[in-house]
């Protein structure tokens, strides 16, 4: 999974605001993005879903946070960014 420009910008801004831009290890594995800091991990995944509704295809984007084995679905990117901000404040 490649980060969207808005996702990258928001993540970098949150890291700078927390003073951690040089202390976080960001890795991508099996479609999940993992941010690691002092043994703690924040993970999220973006999934594009195509649905057939009333004879029309529509694309939607779903976001998940947590672990790949037990993900929690969030409504959109701002909710993921808010959860990341709370994690950085720990």
N, C-alpha and C. Protein backbone atom coordinates (compact mmCIF):
# COMPACT_ATOMS: atom_id res chain seq x y z
N UNK A 1 0.84 -1.17 0.00
CA UNK A 1 0.00 0.00 0.00
C UNK A 1 0.89 1.23 0.00
N UNK A 2 0.62 2.12 -0.90
CA UNK A 2 1.34 3.40 -0.94
C UNK A 2 0.52 4.43 -0.19
N UNK A 3 1.21 5.29 0.53
CA UNK A 3 0.52 6.36 1.23
C UNK A 3 0.00 7.38 0.24
N UNK A 4 -1.22 7.85 0.45
CA UNK A 4 -1.74 8.94 -0.34
C UNK A 4 -1.06 10.23 0.10
N UNK A 5 -0.96 11.22 -0.78
CA UNK A 5 -0.29 12.47 -0.41
C UNK A 5 -0.87 13.10 0.86
N UNK A 6 -2.19 13.07 1.01
CA UNK A 6 -2.80 13.65 2.21
C UNK A 6 -2.44 12.85 3.46
N UNK A 7 -2.36 11.53 3.33
CA UNK A 7 -1.98 10.69 4.47
C UNK A 7 -0.54 10.99 4.88
N UNK A 8 0.35 11.06 3.90
CA UNK A 8 1.76 11.34 4.20
C UNK A 8 1.91 12.70 4.87
N UNK A 9 1.24 13.71 4.32
CA UNK A 9 1.32 15.06 4.87
C UNK A 9 0.82 15.09 6.31
N UNK A 10 -0.33 14.47 6.56
CA UNK A 10 -0.90 14.46 7.91
C UNK A 10 0.00 13.72 8.90
N UNK A 11 0.55 12.58 8.48
CA UNK A 11 1.44 11.82 9.36
C UNK A 11 2.67 12.64 9.70
N UNK A 12 3.28 13.26 8.70
CA UNK A 12 4.49 14.07 8.96
C UNK A 12 4.18 15.26 9.86
N UNK A 13 3.04 15.91 9.65
CA UNK A 13 2.65 17.04 10.49
C UNK A 13 2.43 16.59 11.94
N UNK A 14 1.80 15.44 12.13
CA UNK A 14 1.57 14.92 13.48
C UNK A 14 2.89 14.55 14.16
N UNK A 15 3.80 13.96 13.40
CA UNK A 15 5.10 13.59 13.97
C UNK A 15 5.90 14.84 14.35
N UNK A 16 5.86 15.86 13.50
CA UNK A 16 6.57 17.10 13.81
C UNK A 16 5.97 17.78 15.04
N UNK A 17 4.65 17.81 15.13
CA UNK A 17 3.98 18.43 16.27
C UNK A 17 4.34 17.72 17.58
N UNK A 18 4.54 16.40 17.50
CA UNK A 18 4.90 15.63 18.69
C UNK A 18 6.41 15.63 18.92
N UNK A 19 7.19 16.19 17.98
CA UNK A 19 8.64 16.22 18.11
C UNK A 19 9.28 14.86 17.91
N UNK A 20 8.63 14.00 17.12
CA UNK A 20 9.11 12.63 16.93
C UNK A 20 9.46 12.30 15.49
N UNK A 21 9.64 13.30 14.63
CA UNK A 21 9.85 13.01 13.21
C UNK A 21 11.09 12.17 12.94
N UNK A 22 12.08 12.20 13.83
CA UNK A 22 13.29 11.40 13.63
C UNK A 22 13.35 10.16 14.52
N UNK A 23 12.29 9.91 15.29
CA UNK A 23 12.31 8.80 16.23
C UNK A 23 11.34 7.67 15.87
N UNK A 24 10.51 7.87 14.87
CA UNK A 24 9.50 6.88 14.49
C UNK A 24 10.02 6.06 13.31
N UNK A 25 9.86 4.75 13.40
CA UNK A 25 10.19 3.86 12.30
C UNK A 25 8.89 3.52 11.58
N UNK A 26 8.81 3.87 10.31
CA UNK A 26 7.62 3.60 9.51
C UNK A 26 7.92 2.45 8.57
N UNK A 27 7.13 1.39 8.66
CA UNK A 27 7.30 0.24 7.77
C UNK A 27 5.97 -0.10 7.13
N UNK A 28 6.04 -0.74 5.98
CA UNK A 28 4.84 -1.21 5.29
C UNK A 28 5.01 -2.71 5.05
N UNK A 29 3.99 -3.46 5.43
CA UNK A 29 4.07 -4.90 5.26
C UNK A 29 2.66 -5.45 5.04
N UNK A 30 2.50 -6.24 4.02
CA UNK A 30 1.24 -6.89 3.65
C UNK A 30 0.06 -5.93 3.65
N UNK A 31 0.28 -4.73 3.11
CA UNK A 31 -0.81 -3.77 2.98
C UNK A 31 -1.06 -2.92 4.21
N UNK A 32 -0.34 -3.13 5.27
CA UNK A 32 -0.50 -2.37 6.50
C UNK A 32 0.69 -1.42 6.67
N UNK A 33 0.43 -0.24 7.22
CA UNK A 33 1.48 0.70 7.57
C UNK A 33 1.66 0.62 9.08
N UNK A 34 2.91 0.44 9.51
CA UNK A 34 3.22 0.32 10.94
C UNK A 34 4.14 1.46 11.33
N UNK A 35 3.78 2.18 12.38
CA UNK A 35 4.63 3.21 12.96
C UNK A 35 5.09 2.68 14.31
N UNK A 36 6.41 2.57 14.48
CA UNK A 36 6.97 1.97 15.69
C UNK A 36 7.75 3.01 16.47
N UNK A 37 7.53 3.00 17.79
CA UNK A 37 8.25 3.93 18.67
C UNK A 37 8.35 3.32 20.06
N UNK A 38 9.56 3.09 20.52
CA UNK A 38 9.83 2.56 21.86
C UNK A 38 9.02 1.31 22.17
N UNK A 39 9.00 0.39 21.26
CA UNK A 39 8.32 -0.89 21.48
C UNK A 39 6.82 -0.87 21.24
N UNK A 40 6.25 0.29 21.05
CA UNK A 40 4.82 0.42 20.77
C UNK A 40 4.61 0.52 19.26
N UNK A 41 3.48 0.00 18.78
CA UNK A 41 3.21 0.00 17.34
C UNK A 41 1.80 0.53 17.08
N UNK A 42 1.68 1.44 16.11
CA UNK A 42 0.39 1.89 15.61
C UNK A 42 0.31 1.42 14.16
N UNK A 43 -0.76 0.71 13.83
CA UNK A 43 -0.90 0.16 12.47
C UNK A 43 -2.23 0.58 11.86
N UNK A 44 -2.19 0.85 10.55
CA UNK A 44 -3.44 1.10 9.84
C UNK A 44 -3.37 0.55 8.42
N UNK A 45 -4.56 0.37 7.85
CA UNK A 45 -4.69 -0.21 6.52
C UNK A 45 -5.81 0.53 5.78
N UNK A 46 -5.58 0.82 4.51
CA UNK A 46 -6.60 1.42 3.66
C UNK A 46 -6.99 0.39 2.61
N UNK A 47 -8.28 0.20 2.45
CA UNK A 47 -8.76 -0.80 1.50
C UNK A 47 -9.79 -0.16 0.58
N UNK A 48 -9.56 -0.30 -0.72
CA UNK A 48 -10.52 0.21 -1.70
C UNK A 48 -11.50 -0.90 -2.04
N UNK A 49 -12.78 -0.59 -1.92
CA UNK A 49 -13.82 -1.59 -2.13
C UNK A 49 -14.75 -1.10 -3.24
N UNK A 50 -15.05 -1.99 -4.17
CA UNK A 50 -16.00 -1.67 -5.23
C UNK A 50 -17.29 -2.43 -4.96
N UNK A 51 -18.40 -1.69 -4.89
CA UNK A 51 -19.70 -2.30 -4.61
C UNK A 51 -20.64 -2.05 -5.77
N UNK A 52 -21.54 -2.99 -5.96
CA UNK A 52 -22.58 -2.85 -6.98
C UNK A 52 -23.87 -2.46 -6.27
N UNK A 53 -24.34 -1.24 -6.54
CA UNK A 53 -25.56 -0.74 -5.92
C UNK A 53 -26.48 -0.20 -7.00
N UNK A 54 -27.68 -0.74 -7.07
CA UNK A 54 -28.68 -0.30 -8.04
C UNK A 54 -28.15 -0.33 -9.47
N UNK A 55 -27.40 -1.37 -9.79
CA UNK A 55 -26.87 -1.53 -11.14
C UNK A 55 -25.67 -0.65 -11.45
N UNK A 56 -25.14 0.08 -10.46
CA UNK A 56 -23.99 0.96 -10.66
C UNK A 56 -22.87 0.54 -9.71
N UNK A 57 -21.65 0.55 -10.24
CA UNK A 57 -20.50 0.29 -9.39
C UNK A 57 -20.07 1.57 -8.69
N UNK A 58 -19.74 1.46 -7.43
CA UNK A 58 -19.24 2.62 -6.70
C UNK A 58 -18.02 2.19 -5.89
N UNK A 59 -17.02 3.06 -5.89
CA UNK A 59 -15.81 2.81 -5.13
C UNK A 59 -15.92 3.46 -3.77
N UNK A 60 -15.52 2.75 -2.74
CA UNK A 60 -15.45 3.30 -1.40
C UNK A 60 -14.09 2.94 -0.82
N UNK A 61 -13.69 3.70 0.17
CA UNK A 61 -12.42 3.45 0.84
C UNK A 61 -12.72 3.14 2.29
N UNK A 62 -12.16 2.04 2.77
CA UNK A 62 -12.34 1.63 4.16
C UNK A 62 -10.99 1.71 4.86
N UNK A 63 -11.00 2.18 6.09
CA UNK A 63 -9.78 2.26 6.90
C UNK A 63 -9.91 1.35 8.10
N UNK A 64 -8.79 0.71 8.44
CA UNK A 64 -8.74 -0.17 9.60
C UNK A 64 -7.52 0.20 10.44
N UNK A 65 -7.65 0.11 11.75
CA UNK A 65 -6.53 0.32 12.67
C UNK A 65 -6.44 -0.88 13.60
N UNK A 66 -5.30 -0.99 14.26
CA UNK A 66 -5.10 -2.10 15.18
C UNK A 66 -4.17 -3.11 14.56
N UNK A 67 -4.41 -4.36 14.87
CA UNK A 67 -3.56 -5.42 14.31
C UNK A 67 -4.25 -6.05 13.12
N UNK A 68 -3.48 -6.60 12.19
CA UNK A 68 -4.08 -7.25 11.03
C UNK A 68 -4.99 -8.42 11.41
N UNK A 69 -4.75 -9.05 12.54
CA UNK A 69 -5.59 -10.18 12.96
C UNK A 69 -6.89 -9.75 13.62
N UNK A 70 -6.91 -8.54 14.18
CA UNK A 70 -8.09 -8.05 14.86
C UNK A 70 -8.29 -6.57 14.54
N UNK A 71 -8.61 -6.24 13.28
CA UNK A 71 -8.70 -4.82 12.90
C UNK A 71 -10.01 -4.18 13.38
N UNK A 72 -9.93 -2.89 13.60
CA UNK A 72 -11.10 -2.09 13.93
C UNK A 72 -11.36 -1.16 12.76
N UNK A 73 -12.57 -1.18 12.23
CA UNK A 73 -12.91 -0.36 11.07
C UNK A 73 -13.25 1.06 11.53
N UNK A 74 -12.66 2.04 10.85
CA UNK A 74 -12.95 3.45 11.11
C UNK A 74 -13.61 4.06 9.88
N UNK A 75 -14.29 5.17 10.09
CA UNK A 75 -15.09 5.78 9.02
C UNK A 75 -14.26 6.34 7.88
N UNK A 76 -13.18 7.07 8.21
CA UNK A 76 -12.41 7.72 7.16
C UNK A 76 -11.03 8.11 7.68
N UNK A 77 -10.23 8.75 6.81
CA UNK A 77 -8.86 9.11 7.17
C UNK A 77 -8.79 10.05 8.37
N UNK A 78 -9.64 11.09 8.49
CA UNK A 78 -9.53 11.95 9.67
C UNK A 78 -9.68 11.19 10.99
N UNK A 79 -10.48 10.15 11.01
CA UNK A 79 -10.60 9.34 12.22
C UNK A 79 -9.30 8.57 12.51
N UNK A 80 -8.66 8.08 11.46
CA UNK A 80 -7.37 7.40 11.62
C UNK A 80 -6.32 8.39 12.13
N UNK A 81 -6.29 9.59 11.54
CA UNK A 81 -5.33 10.61 11.96
C UNK A 81 -5.56 11.00 13.42
N UNK A 82 -6.81 11.09 13.84
CA UNK A 82 -7.10 11.42 15.24
C UNK A 82 -6.62 10.31 16.17
N UNK A 83 -6.80 9.06 15.76
CA UNK A 83 -6.34 7.93 16.56
C UNK A 83 -4.81 7.92 16.63
N UNK A 84 -4.15 8.25 15.52
CA UNK A 84 -2.68 8.33 15.51
C UNK A 84 -2.22 9.45 16.42
N UNK A 85 -2.87 10.59 16.38
CA UNK A 85 -2.51 11.71 17.25
C UNK A 85 -2.62 11.31 18.73
N UNK A 86 -3.69 10.61 19.08
CA UNK A 86 -3.86 10.16 20.47
C UNK A 86 -2.74 9.17 20.85
N UNK A 87 -2.36 8.30 19.91
CA UNK A 87 -1.29 7.34 20.17
C UNK A 87 0.05 8.05 20.38
N UNK A 88 0.30 9.09 19.61
CA UNK A 88 1.55 9.84 19.74
C UNK A 88 1.64 10.60 21.06
N UNK A 89 0.50 10.95 21.63
CA UNK A 89 0.48 11.70 22.88
C UNK A 89 0.73 10.83 24.10
N UNK A 90 0.73 9.51 23.94
CA UNK A 90 0.98 8.60 25.07
C UNK A 90 2.36 8.79 25.62
